[in-house]
Each structure stands twice: as C-alpha cells, then as structure tokens.
PDB file of all heavy atoms in Angstrom:
ATOM      1  N   LEU A   1       0.814  -1.212  -0.004  1.00  0.00           N
ATOM      2  CA  LEU A   1       0.001   0.000   0.001  1.00  0.00           C
ATOM      3  C   LEU A   1       0.846   1.270  -0.001  1.00  0.00           C
ATOM      4  O   LEU A   1       0.296   2.379   0.021  1.00  0.00           O
ATOM      5  CB  LEU A   1      -0.932   0.005   1.208  1.00  0.00           C
ATOM      6  CG  LEU A   1      -1.965  -1.136   1.279  1.00  0.00           C
ATOM      7  CD1 LEU A   1      -2.817  -1.023   2.536  1.00  0.00           C
ATOM      8  CD2 LEU A   1      -2.842  -1.128   0.027  1.00  0.00           C
ATOM      9  N   TYR A   2       2.165   1.123  -0.033  1.00  0.00           N
ATOM     10  CA  TYR A   2       3.044   2.290  -0.060  1.00  0.00           C
ATOM     11  C   TYR A   2       2.900   2.956  -1.430  1.00  0.00           C
ATOM     12  O   TYR A   2       3.091   2.319  -2.462  1.00  0.00           O
ATOM     13  CB  TYR A   2       4.493   1.846   0.170  1.00  0.00           C
ATOM     14  CG  TYR A   2       5.473   2.995   0.211  1.00  0.00           C
ATOM     15  CD1 TYR A   2       5.690   3.713   1.387  1.00  0.00           C
ATOM     16  CD2 TYR A   2       6.192   3.372  -0.922  1.00  0.00           C
ATOM     17  CE1 TYR A   2       6.605   4.759   1.427  1.00  0.00           C
ATOM     18  CE2 TYR A   2       7.093   4.408  -0.892  1.00  0.00           C
ATOM     19  CZ  TYR A   2       7.300   5.104   0.283  1.00  0.00           C
ATOM     20  OH  TYR A   2       8.200   6.151   0.325  1.00  0.00           O
ATOM     21  N   ASN A   3       2.611   4.253  -1.443  1.00  0.00           N
ATOM     22  CA  ASN A   3       2.340   4.911  -2.721  1.00  0.00           C
ATOM     23  C   ASN A   3       3.080   6.230  -2.898  1.00  0.00           C
ATOM     24  O   ASN A   3       2.705   7.059  -3.704  1.00  0.00           O
ATOM     25  CB  ASN A   3       0.824   5.156  -2.888  1.00  0.00           C
ATOM     26  CG  ASN A   3       0.232   5.900  -1.694  1.00  0.00           C
ATOM     27  OD1 ASN A   3       0.974   6.450  -0.869  1.00  0.00           O
ATOM     28  ND2 ASN A   3      -1.091   5.908  -1.596  1.00  0.00           N
ATOM     29  N   GLU A   4       4.154   6.438  -2.112  1.00  0.00           N
ATOM     30  CA  GLU A   4       4.936   7.658  -2.288  1.00  0.00           C
ATOM     31  C   GLU A   4       5.840   7.525  -3.521  1.00  0.00           C
ATOM     32  O   GLU A   4       6.111   6.431  -3.987  1.00  0.00           O
ATOM     33  CB  GLU A   4       5.799   7.928  -1.044  1.00  0.00           C
ATOM     34  CG  GLU A   4       4.990   8.249   0.202  1.00  0.00           C
ATOM     35  CD  GLU A   4       5.894   8.574   1.393  1.00  0.00           C
ATOM     36  OE1 GLU A   4       7.083   8.821   1.180  1.00  0.00           O
ATOM     37  OE2 GLU A   4       5.384   8.566   2.520  1.00  0.00           O
ATOM     38  N   ALA A   5       6.299   8.658  -4.018  1.00  0.00           N
ATOM     39  CA  ALA A   5       7.205   8.651  -5.179  1.00  0.00           C
ATOM     40  C   ALA A   5       8.496   7.946  -4.815  1.00  0.00           C
ATOM     41  O   ALA A   5       8.857   7.803  -3.640  1.00  0.00           O
ATOM     42  CB  ALA A   5       7.491  10.090  -5.619  1.00  0.00           C
ATOM     43  N   GLU A   6       9.243   7.537  -5.835  1.00  0.00           N
ATOM     44  CA  GLU A   6      10.413   6.675  -5.628  1.00  0.00           C
ATOM     45  C   GLU A   6      11.425   7.262  -4.661  1.00  0.00           C
ATOM     46  O   GLU A   6      11.978   6.580  -3.822  1.00  0.00           O
ATOM     47  CB  GLU A   6      11.091   6.384  -6.977  1.00  0.00           C
ATOM     48  CG  GLU A   6      12.277   5.458  -6.843  1.00  0.00           C
ATOM     49  CD  GLU A   6      12.756   4.947  -8.181  1.00  0.00           C
ATOM     50  OE1 GLU A   6      12.024   5.086  -9.193  1.00  0.00           O
ATOM     51  OE2 GLU A   6      13.882   4.421  -8.224  1.00  0.00           O
ATOM     52  N   GLY A   7      11.682   8.550  -4.757  1.00  0.00           N
ATOM     53  CA  GLY A   7      12.727   9.140  -3.924  1.00  0.00           C
ATOM     54  C   GLY A   7      12.239   9.682  -2.598  1.00  0.00           C
ATOM     55  O   GLY A   7      13.041  10.182  -1.814  1.00  0.00           O
ATOM     56  N   ALA A   8      10.935   9.556  -2.332  1.00  0.00           N
ATOM     57  CA  ALA A   8      10.377  10.211  -1.129  1.00  0.00           C
ATOM     58  C   ALA A   8      10.945   9.643   0.156  1.00  0.00           C
ATOM     59  O   ALA A   8      11.398  10.389   1.035  1.00  0.00           O
ATOM     60  CB  ALA A   8       8.856  10.095  -1.145  1.00  0.00           C
ATOM     61  N   LEU A   9      10.915   8.321   0.297  1.00  0.00           N
ATOM     62  CA  LEU A   9      11.391   7.740   1.539  1.00  0.00           C
ATOM     63  C   LEU A   9      12.893   7.913   1.687  1.00  0.00           C
ATOM     64  O   LEU A   9      13.391   8.236   2.765  1.00  0.00           O
ATOM     65  CB  LEU A   9      11.044   6.255   1.627  1.00  0.00           C
ATOM     66  CG  LEU A   9      11.593   5.608   2.895  1.00  0.00           C
ATOM     67  CD1 LEU A   9      10.886   6.132   4.126  1.00  0.00           C
ATOM     68  CD2 LEU A   9      11.542   4.107   2.859  1.00  0.00           C
ATOM     69  N   VAL A  10      13.635   7.696   0.596  1.00  0.00           N
ATOM     70  CA  VAL A  10      15.099   7.889   0.666  1.00  0.00           C
ATOM     71  C   VAL A  10      15.400   9.320   1.097  1.00  0.00           C
ATOM     72  O   VAL A  10      16.302   9.566   1.900  1.00  0.00           O
ATOM     73  CB  VAL A  10      15.754   7.575  -0.684  1.00  0.00           C
ATOM     74  CG1 VAL A  10      17.249   7.903  -0.637  1.00  0.00           C
ATOM     75  CG2 VAL A  10      15.570   6.099  -1.029  1.00  0.00           C
ATOM     76  N   GLY A  11      14.617  10.262   0.594  1.00  0.00           N
ATOM     77  CA  GLY A  11      14.787  11.659   1.018  1.00  0.00           C
ATOM     78  C   GLY A  11      14.543  11.823   2.502  1.00  0.00           C
ATOM     79  O   GLY A  11      15.287  12.545   3.183  1.00  0.00           O
ATOM     80  N   ARG A  12      13.512  11.150   3.029  1.00  0.00           N
ATOM     81  CA  ARG A  12      13.222  11.219   4.468  1.00  0.00           C
ATOM     82  C   ARG A  12      14.394  10.650   5.266  1.00  0.00           C
ATOM     83  O   ARG A  12      14.795  11.212   6.290  1.00  0.00           O
ATOM     84  CB  ARG A  12      11.956  10.440   4.794  1.00  0.00           C
ATOM     85  CG  ARG A  12      10.653  11.146   4.401  1.00  0.00           C
ATOM     86  CD  ARG A  12       9.481  10.190   4.505  1.00  0.00           C
ATOM     87  NE  ARG A  12       9.278   9.697   5.859  1.00  0.00           N
ATOM     88  CZ  ARG A  12       8.478   8.669   6.162  1.00  0.00           C
ATOM     89  NH1 ARG A  12       7.840   8.019   5.187  1.00  0.00           N
ATOM     90  NH2 ARG A  12       8.333   8.274   7.389  1.00  0.00           N
ATOM     91  N   LEU A  13      14.951   9.531   4.808  1.00  0.00           N
ATOM     92  CA  LEU A  13      16.050   8.909   5.527  1.00  0.00           C
ATOM     93  C   LEU A  13      17.310   9.776   5.458  1.00  0.00           C
ATOM     94  O   LEU A  13      18.055   9.882   6.429  1.00  0.00           O
ATOM     95  CB  LEU A  13      16.331   7.517   4.950  1.00  0.00           C
ATOM     96  CG  LEU A  13      15.187   6.496   5.076  1.00  0.00           C
ATOM     97  CD1 LEU A  13      15.598   5.166   4.462  1.00  0.00           C
ATOM     98  CD2 LEU A  13      14.761   6.317   6.523  1.00  0.00           C
ATOM     99  N   ARG A  14      17.545  10.396   4.318  1.00  0.00           N
ATOM    100  CA  ARG A  14      18.727  11.244   4.166  1.00  0.00           C
ATOM    101  C   ARG A  14      18.614  12.510   5.007  1.00  0.00           C
ATOM    102  O   ARG A  14      19.630  13.118   5.385  1.00  0.00           O
ATOM    103  CB  ARG A  14      18.947  11.613   2.703  1.00  0.00           C
ATOM    104  CG  ARG A  14      19.503  10.487   1.854  1.00  0.00           C
ATOM    105  CD  ARG A  14      19.911  10.959   0.475  1.00  0.00           C
ATOM    106  NE  ARG A  14      21.031  11.905   0.534  1.00  0.00           N
ATOM    107  CZ  ARG A  14      21.636  12.387  -0.552  1.00  0.00           C
ATOM    108  NH1 ARG A  14      21.226  12.030  -1.755  1.00  0.00           N
ATOM    109  NH2 ARG A  14      22.646  13.227  -0.430  1.00  0.00           N
ATOM    110  N   ARG A  15      17.388  12.910   5.312  1.00  0.00           N
ATOM    111  CA  ARG A  15      17.210  14.129   6.116  1.00  0.00           C
ATOM    112  C   ARG A  15      17.276  13.883   7.611  1.00  0.00           C
ATOM    113  O   ARG A  15      17.178  14.834   8.401  1.00  0.00           O
ATOM    114  CB  ARG A  15      15.872  14.790   5.753  1.00  0.00           C
ATOM    115  CG  ARG A  15      15.867  15.470   4.384  1.00  0.00           C
ATOM    116  CD  ARG A  15      14.656  16.351   4.203  1.00  0.00           C
ATOM    117  NE  ARG A  15      13.418  15.587   4.201  1.00  0.00           N
ATOM    118  CZ  ARG A  15      12.874  15.037   3.121  1.00  0.00           C
ATOM    119  NH1 ARG A  15      13.501  15.144   1.954  1.00  0.00           N
ATOM    120  NH2 ARG A  15      11.736  14.390   3.192  1.00  0.00           N
ATOM    121  N   LEU A  16      17.454  12.630   8.015  1.00  0.00           N
ATOM    122  CA  LEU A  16      17.654  12.375   9.439  1.00  0.00           C
ATOM    123  C   LEU A  16      18.922  13.079   9.900  1.00  0.00           C
ATOM    124  O   LEU A  16      19.889  13.178   9.157  1.00  0.00           O
ATOM    125  CB  LEU A  16      17.763  10.860   9.697  1.00  0.00           C
ATOM    126  CG  LEU A  16      16.517  10.032   9.417  1.00  0.00           C
ATOM    127  CD1 LEU A  16      16.816   8.544   9.596  1.00  0.00           C
ATOM    128  CD2 LEU A  16      15.355  10.451  10.325  1.00  0.00           C
ATOM    129  N   SER A  17      18.921  13.551  11.124  1.00  0.00           N
ATOM    130  CA  SER A  17      20.075  14.318  11.611  1.00  0.00           C
ATOM    131  C   SER A  17      21.313  13.447  11.666  1.00  0.00           C
ATOM    132  O   SER A  17      21.247  12.276  12.040  1.00  0.00           O
ATOM    133  CB  SER A  17      19.765  14.913  12.990  1.00  0.00           C
ATOM    134  OG  SER A  17      19.417  13.892  13.908  1.00  0.00           O
ATOM    135  N   ALA A  18      22.441  14.024  11.292  1.00  0.00           N
ATOM    136  CA  ALA A  18      23.720  13.285  11.240  1.00  0.00           C
ATOM    137  C   ALA A  18      24.350  13.271  12.628  1.00  0.00           C
ATOM    138  O   ALA A  18      25.425  13.831  12.855  1.00  0.00           O
ATOM    139  CB  ALA A  18      24.640  13.917  10.201  1.00  0.00           C
ATOM    140  N   ASP A  19      23.667  12.604  13.547  1.00  0.00           N
ATOM    141  CA  ASP A  19      24.172  12.472  14.923  1.00  0.00           C
ATOM    142  C   ASP A  19      23.527  11.234  15.536  1.00  0.00           C
ATOM    143  O   ASP A  19      22.834  10.468  14.850  1.00  0.00           O
ATOM    144  CB  ASP A  19      23.856  13.729  15.737  1.00  0.00           C
ATOM    145  CG  ASP A  19      22.374  14.109  15.736  1.00  0.00           C
ATOM    146  OD1 ASP A  19      21.529  13.215  15.489  1.00  0.00           O
ATOM    147  OD2 ASP A  19      22.057  15.285  15.966  1.00  0.00           O
ATOM    148  N   ILE A  20      23.740  11.021  16.809  1.00  0.00           N
ATOM    149  CA  ILE A  20      23.245   9.815  17.465  1.00  0.00           C
ATOM    150  C   ILE A  20      21.718   9.764  17.459  1.00  0.00           C
ATOM    151  O   ILE A  20      21.114   8.681  17.408  1.00  0.00           O
ATOM    152  CB  ILE A  20      23.804   9.712  18.898  1.00  0.00           C
ATOM    153  CG1 ILE A  20      23.479   8.346  19.508  1.00  0.00           C
ATOM    154  CG2 ILE A  20      23.289  10.842  19.782  1.00  0.00           C
ATOM    155  CD1 ILE A  20      24.152   8.095  20.839  1.00  0.00           C
ATOM    156  N   TYR A  21      21.062  10.935  17.448  1.00  0.00           N
ATOM    157  CA  TYR A  21      19.592  10.958  17.415  1.00  0.00           C
ATOM    158  C   TYR A  21      19.067  10.492  16.064  1.00  0.00           C
ATOM    159  O   TYR A  21      18.076   9.758  15.991  1.00  0.00           O
ATOM    160  CB  TYR A  21      19.088  12.355  17.759  1.00  0.00           C
ATOM    161  CG  TYR A  21      19.440  12.784  19.174  1.00  0.00           C
ATOM    162  CD1 TYR A  21      20.586  13.520  19.437  1.00  0.00           C
ATOM    163  CD2 TYR A  21      18.622  12.409  20.236  1.00  0.00           C
ATOM    164  CE1 TYR A  21      20.924  13.886  20.737  1.00  0.00           C
ATOM    165  CE2 TYR A  21      18.946  12.765  21.551  1.00  0.00           C
ATOM    166  CZ  TYR A  21      20.100  13.512  21.786  1.00  0.00           C
ATOM    167  OH  TYR A  21      20.422  13.853  23.073  1.00  0.00           O
ATOM    168  N   GLY A  22      19.745  10.898  14.988  1.00  0.00           N
ATOM    169  CA  GLY A  22      19.362  10.424  13.666  1.00  0.00           C
ATOM    170  C   GLY A  22      19.597   8.925  13.522  1.00  0.00           C
ATOM    171  O   GLY A  22      18.807   8.205  12.906  1.00  0.00           O
ATOM    172  N   ASN A  23      20.683   8.454  14.131  1.00  0.00           N
ATOM    173  CA  ASN A  23      20.970   7.019  14.103  1.00  0.00           C
ATOM    174  C   ASN A  23      19.897   6.228  14.860  1.00  0.00           C
ATOM    175  O   ASN A  23      19.477   5.152  14.430  1.00  0.00           O
ATOM    176  CB  ASN A  23      22.353   6.790  14.717  1.00  0.00           C
ATOM    177  CG  ASN A  23      22.825   5.348  14.604  1.00  0.00           C
ATOM    178  OD1 ASN A  23      22.914   4.652  15.602  1.00  0.00           O
ATOM    179  ND2 ASN A  23      23.139   4.904  13.405  1.00  0.00           N
ATOM    180  N   ARG A  24      19.444   6.776  15.985  1.00  0.00           N
ATOM    181  CA  ARG A  24      18.351   6.127  16.734  1.00  0.00           C
ATOM    182  C   ARG A  24      17.077   6.095  15.898  1.00  0.00           C
ATOM    183  O   ARG A  24      16.375   5.077  15.857  1.00  0.00           O
ATOM    184  CB  ARG A  24      18.100   6.861  18.055  1.00  0.00           C
ATOM    185  CG  ARG A  24      16.997   6.224  18.881  1.00  0.00           C
ATOM    186  CD  ARG A  24      16.776   6.969  20.203  1.00  0.00           C
ATOM    187  NE  ARG A  24      16.358   8.354  19.986  1.00  0.00           N
ATOM    188  CZ  ARG A  24      16.049   9.193  20.974  1.00  0.00           C
ATOM    189  NH1 ARG A  24      16.157   8.795  22.233  1.00  0.00           N
ATOM    190  NH2 ARG A  24      15.680  10.445  20.718  1.00  0.00           N
ATOM    191  N   ASP A  25      16.784   7.192  15.212  1.00  0.00           N
ATOM    192  CA  ASP A  25      15.598   7.217  14.352  1.00  0.00           C
ATOM    193  C   ASP A  25      15.728   6.204  13.221  1.00  0.00           C
ATOM    194  O   ASP A  25      14.744   5.538  12.856  1.00  0.00           O
ATOM    195  CB  ASP A  25      15.404   8.624  13.770  1.00  0.00           C
ATOM    196  CG  ASP A  25      15.034   9.657  14.825  1.00  0.00           C
ATOM    197  OD1 ASP A  25      14.589   9.262  15.917  1.00  0.00           O
ATOM    198  OD2 ASP A  25      15.222  10.867  14.564  1.00  0.00           O
ATOM    199  N   MET A  26      16.944   6.058  12.686  1.00  0.00           N
ATOM    200  CA  MET A  26      17.157   5.110  11.605  1.00  0.00           C
ATOM    201  C   MET A  26      16.951   3.678  12.102  1.00  0.00           C
ATOM    202  O   MET A  26      16.383   2.848  11.399  1.00  0.00           O
ATOM    203  CB  MET A  26      18.580   5.268  11.044  1.00  0.00           C
ATOM    204  CG  MET A  26      18.846   4.397   9.837  1.00  0.00           C
ATOM    205  SD  MET A  26      17.922   4.931   8.381  1.00  0.00           S
ATOM    206  CE  MET A  26      17.904   3.395   7.433  1.00  0.00           C
ATOM    207  N   LEU A  27      17.399   3.390  13.317  1.00  0.00           N
ATOM    208  CA  LEU A  27      17.194   2.057  13.865  1.00  0.00           C
ATOM    209  C   LEU A  27      15.701   1.759  14.039  1.00  0.00           C
ATOM    210  O   LEU A  27      15.263   0.618  13.858  1.00  0.00           O
ATOM    211  CB  LEU A  27      17.923   1.906  15.199  1.00  0.00           C
ATOM    212  CG  LEU A  27      17.920   0.501  15.813  1.00  0.00           C
ATOM    213  CD1 LEU A  27      18.558  -0.504  14.855  1.00  0.00           C
ATOM    214  CD2 LEU A  27      18.629   0.488  17.153  1.00  0.00           C
ATOM    215  N   THR A  28      14.935   2.794  14.354  1.00  0.00           N
ATOM    216  CA  THR A  28      13.482   2.612  14.412  1.00  0.00           C
ATOM    217  C   THR A  28      12.938   2.152  13.060  1.00  0.00           C
ATOM    218  O   THR A  28      12.106   1.246  12.988  1.00  0.00           O
ATOM    219  CB  THR A  28      12.805   3.936  14.833  1.00  0.00           C
ATOM    220  OG1 THR A  28      13.277   4.314  16.122  1.00  0.00           O
ATOM    221  CG2 THR A  28      11.290   3.788  14.868  1.00  0.00           C
ATOM    222  N   PHE A  29      13.425   2.775  11.977  1.00  0.00           N
ATOM    223  CA  PHE A  29      13.021   2.336  10.634  1.00  0.00           C
ATOM    224  C   PHE A  29      13.490   0.920  10.353  1.00  0.00           C
ATOM    225  O   PHE A  29      12.735   0.102   9.809  1.00  0.00           O
ATOM    226  CB  PHE A  29      13.592   3.293   9.580  1.00  0.00           C
ATOM    227  CG  PHE A  29      12.808   4.558   9.380  1.00  0.00           C
ATOM    228  CD1 PHE A  29      13.231   5.741   9.947  1.00  0.00           C
ATOM    229  CD2 PHE A  29      11.644   4.553   8.646  1.00  0.00           C
ATOM    230  CE1 PHE A  29      12.512   6.921   9.763  1.00  0.00           C
ATOM    231  CE2 PHE A  29      10.909   5.719   8.458  1.00  0.00           C
ATOM    232  CZ  PHE A  29      11.349   6.906   9.018  1.00  0.00           C
ATOM    233  N   LEU A  30      14.757   0.601  10.716  1.00  0.00           N
ATOM    234  CA  LEU A  30      15.295  -0.729  10.435  1.00  0.00           C
ATOM    235  C   LEU A  30      14.538  -1.812  11.182  1.00  0.00           C
ATOM    236  O   LEU A  30      14.498  -2.967  10.744  1.00  0.00           O
ATOM    237  CB  LEU A  30      16.782  -0.781  10.805  1.00  0.00           C
ATOM    238  CG  LEU A  30      17.733   0.015   9.889  1.00  0.00           C
ATOM    239  CD1 LEU A  30      19.143  -0.006  10.451  1.00  0.00           C
ATOM    240  CD2 LEU A  30      17.725  -0.542   8.481  1.00  0.00           C
ATOM    241  N   ARG A  31      13.948  -1.445  12.322  1.00  0.00           N
ATOM    242  CA  ARG A  31      13.163  -2.410  13.090  1.00  0.00           C
ATOM    243  C   ARG A  31      11.687  -2.409  12.698  1.00  0.00           C
ATOM    244  O   ARG A  31      10.831  -2.921  13.401  1.00  0.00           O
ATOM    245  CB  ARG A  31      13.333  -2.136  14.585  1.00  0.00           C
ATOM    246  CG  ARG A  31      14.720  -2.502  15.078  1.00  0.00           C
ATOM    247  CD  ARG A  31      14.961  -2.167  16.523  1.00  0.00           C
ATOM    248  NE  ARG A  31      16.226  -2.731  16.980  1.00  0.00           N
ATOM    249  CZ  ARG A  31      16.814  -2.446  18.113  1.00  0.00           C
ATOM    250  NH1 ARG A  31      16.250  -1.573  18.964  1.00  0.00           N
ATOM    251  NH2 ARG A  31      17.959  -3.003  18.440  1.00  0.00           N
ATOM    252  N   ASN A  32      11.410  -1.766  11.553  1.00  0.00           N
ATOM    253  CA  ASN A  32      10.071  -1.765  10.970  1.00  0.00           C
ATOM    254  C   ASN A  32       9.040  -1.067  11.844  1.00  0.00           C
ATOM    255  O   ASN A  32       7.849  -1.366  11.808  1.00  0.00           O
ATOM    256  CB  ASN A  32       9.599  -3.201  10.655  1.00  0.00           C
ATOM    257  CG  ASN A  32      10.536  -3.907   9.701  1.00  0.00           C
ATOM    258  OD1 ASN A  32      11.179  -3.276   8.862  1.00  0.00           O
ATOM    259  ND2 ASN A  32      10.616  -5.221   9.800  1.00  0.00           N
ATOM    260  N   ASN A  33       9.518  -0.070  12.618  1.00  0.00           N
ATOM    261  CA  ASN A  33       8.623   0.731  13.437  1.00  0.00           C
ATOM    262  C   ASN A  33       8.421   2.134  12.869  1.00  0.00           C
ATOM    263  O   ASN A  33       7.788   2.969  13.515  1.00  0.00           O
ATOM    264  CB  ASN A  33       9.144   0.812  14.864  1.00  0.00           C
ATOM    265  CG  ASN A  33       9.125  -0.525  15.581  1.00  0.00           C
ATOM    266  OD1 ASN A  33       8.171  -1.296  15.411  1.00  0.00           O
ATOM    267  ND2 ASN A  33      10.179  -0.831  16.317  1.00  0.00           N
TER     268      ASN A  33
END
C-alpha cells in the first residue's frame, strides 16, 4: 500500500540528523517501526 514517489522515503532517511539521534531514528526504521 506504499504509494509515495520513488525518492520520497530515501529523502526522508537522508534528512535524518547526522548524529546519534538520527541514528536512533534510523534504527526505528530498520526495526520496521
């Protein structure tokens, strides 16, 4: 059911802050949360 444009999610991931907080947010994505 995912219907965003091809680069939308990658853009969201690239905009995560380049610090430990962004890394924590990324782990949330990697754990499918």
